[in-house]
Amino acid sequence: MGASMPTDIRGLAHMAPQHPSRAIACPHCRVEAKAACTTVSGRRRLTEPHPGRITAWARTTACCPACQVEPGVPCWGVGGTPLGSGDVHPQRVVEAGVTV
């Protein structure tokens, strides 16, 4: 028979780790920080955050290794034009995951 679970973590064992982008509100479904993303109608909770939430989190959290901008500044493309729709370089999403 195995050892019993310590009382300080009992009840938390069933919880899966949360994506770090849940630290900010979702610009797509408008849920508050820490809440799981939902369908736009709000009827169903999603297991993964919306891509726009991950992008917004990366933009506010990390410097971009591709275009060298600071957190909070949109990524820039070739010729100094901002990336469309507030997108970020894939390297910035990776960098944001490392900084957590």
Protein backbone atom coordinates (compact mmCIF):
# COMPACT_ATOMS: atom_id res chain seq x y z
CA MET A 1 0.00 0.00 0.00
CA GLY A 2 1.38 3.46 -0.96
CA ALA A 3 1.84 6.49 1.22
CA SER A 4 -1.11 8.78 1.71
CA MET A 5 -1.17 12.18 0.04
CA PRO A 6 -0.12 15.11 2.27
CA THR A 7 -3.07 17.20 3.43
CA ASP A 8 -1.64 20.45 2.03
CA ILE A 9 -1.87 19.18 -1.56
CA ARG A 10 -4.90 16.94 -1.21
CA GLY A 11 -7.63 18.19 -3.50
CA LEU A 12 -5.13 19.81 -5.89
CA ALA A 13 -3.93 16.59 -7.49
CA HIS A 14 -6.80 16.57 -9.99
CA MET A 15 -5.98 20.06 -11.30
CA ALA A 16 -3.97 20.22 -14.51
CA PRO A 17 -1.32 22.93 -14.85
CA GLN A 18 -2.67 26.15 -16.34
CA HIS A 19 -1.23 27.90 -19.37
CA PRO A 20 0.69 31.01 -18.25
CA SER A 21 -1.33 33.17 -20.66
CA ARG A 22 -4.22 32.90 -18.20
CA ALA A 23 -2.42 35.63 -16.23
CA ILE A 24 -4.08 38.19 -18.54
CA ALA A 25 -7.65 38.69 -19.77
CA CYS A 26 -8.53 37.12 -23.12
CA PRO A 27 -9.07 39.66 -25.92
CA HIS A 28 -11.15 37.11 -27.88
CA CYS A 29 -13.76 35.84 -25.42
CA ARG A 30 -13.30 38.65 -22.86
CA VAL A 31 -12.88 36.42 -19.80
CA GLU A 32 -10.98 37.90 -16.89
CA ALA A 33 -7.43 37.00 -15.93
CA LYS A 34 -7.06 33.54 -14.36
CA ALA A 35 -10.34 32.32 -15.90
CA ALA A 36 -10.40 29.66 -18.59
CA CYS A 37 -11.30 30.78 -22.10
CA THR A 38 -14.84 30.09 -23.20
CA THR A 39 -16.77 29.94 -26.40
CA VAL A 40 -17.87 33.44 -27.41
CA SER A 41 -21.36 32.67 -26.08
CA GLY A 42 -19.78 31.75 -22.73
CA ARG A 43 -21.61 28.44 -22.58
CA ARG A 44 -18.58 26.16 -22.72
CA ARG A 45 -15.15 26.39 -21.09
CA LEU A 46 -12.20 25.52 -23.32
CA THR A 47 -9.23 23.40 -22.29
CA GLU A 48 -6.74 25.61 -24.17
CA PRO A 49 -6.50 29.41 -24.34
CA HIS A 50 -7.40 31.25 -27.54
CA PRO A 51 -4.41 31.99 -29.83
CA GLY A 52 -5.08 35.73 -29.40
CA ARG A 53 -4.66 35.39 -25.63
CA ILE A 54 -1.32 33.63 -26.08
CA THR A 55 -0.21 36.37 -28.50
CA ALA A 56 -1.27 39.15 -26.10
CA TRP A 57 0.51 37.39 -23.23
CA ALA A 58 3.72 37.03 -25.24
CA ARG A 59 3.57 40.70 -26.29
CA THR A 60 3.21 41.88 -22.67
CA THR A 61 5.68 39.41 -21.16
CA ALA A 62 8.74 39.01 -23.37
CA CYS A 63 11.22 40.86 -25.51
CA CYS A 64 11.19 39.63 -29.10
CA PRO A 65 14.40 37.89 -30.18
CA ALA A 66 13.50 38.43 -33.86
CA CYS A 67 12.89 42.19 -33.94
CA GLN A 68 14.39 43.24 -30.57
CA VAL A 69 11.35 45.08 -29.18
CA GLU A 70 10.61 45.39 -25.47
CA PRO A 71 7.60 43.88 -23.66
CA GLY A 72 4.43 45.76 -24.51
CA VAL A 73 5.69 46.90 -27.92
CA PRO A 74 4.22 45.25 -31.04
CA CYS A 75 6.54 43.16 -33.21
CA TRP A 76 7.87 44.69 -36.42
CA GLY A 77 8.23 43.10 -39.82
CA VAL A 78 10.59 43.75 -42.69
CA GLY A 79 10.82 47.46 -43.50
CA GLY A 80 9.75 48.61 -40.05
CA THR A 81 6.04 47.95 -40.45
CA PRO A 82 4.10 46.40 -37.57
CA LEU A 83 2.99 42.81 -38.02
CA GLY A 84 -0.66 42.53 -38.99
CA SER A 85 -3.44 42.15 -36.42
CA GLY A 86 -1.04 42.61 -33.49
CA ASP A 87 0.70 39.31 -34.22
CA VAL A 88 4.04 38.43 -32.67
CA HIS A 89 6.97 36.43 -34.01
CA PRO A 90 6.90 32.73 -33.00
CA GLN A 91 10.25 33.24 -31.23
CA ARG A 92 8.57 35.73 -28.88
CA VAL A 93 6.00 33.16 -27.77
CA VAL A 94 8.84 30.73 -27.02
CA GLU A 95 10.73 33.47 -25.14
CA ALA A 96 7.64 34.27 -23.07
CA GLY A 97 7.39 30.61 -22.07
CA VAL A 98 11.01 30.65 -20.93
CA THR A 99 10.57 33.78 -18.80
CA VAL A 100 7.73 32.25 -16.75
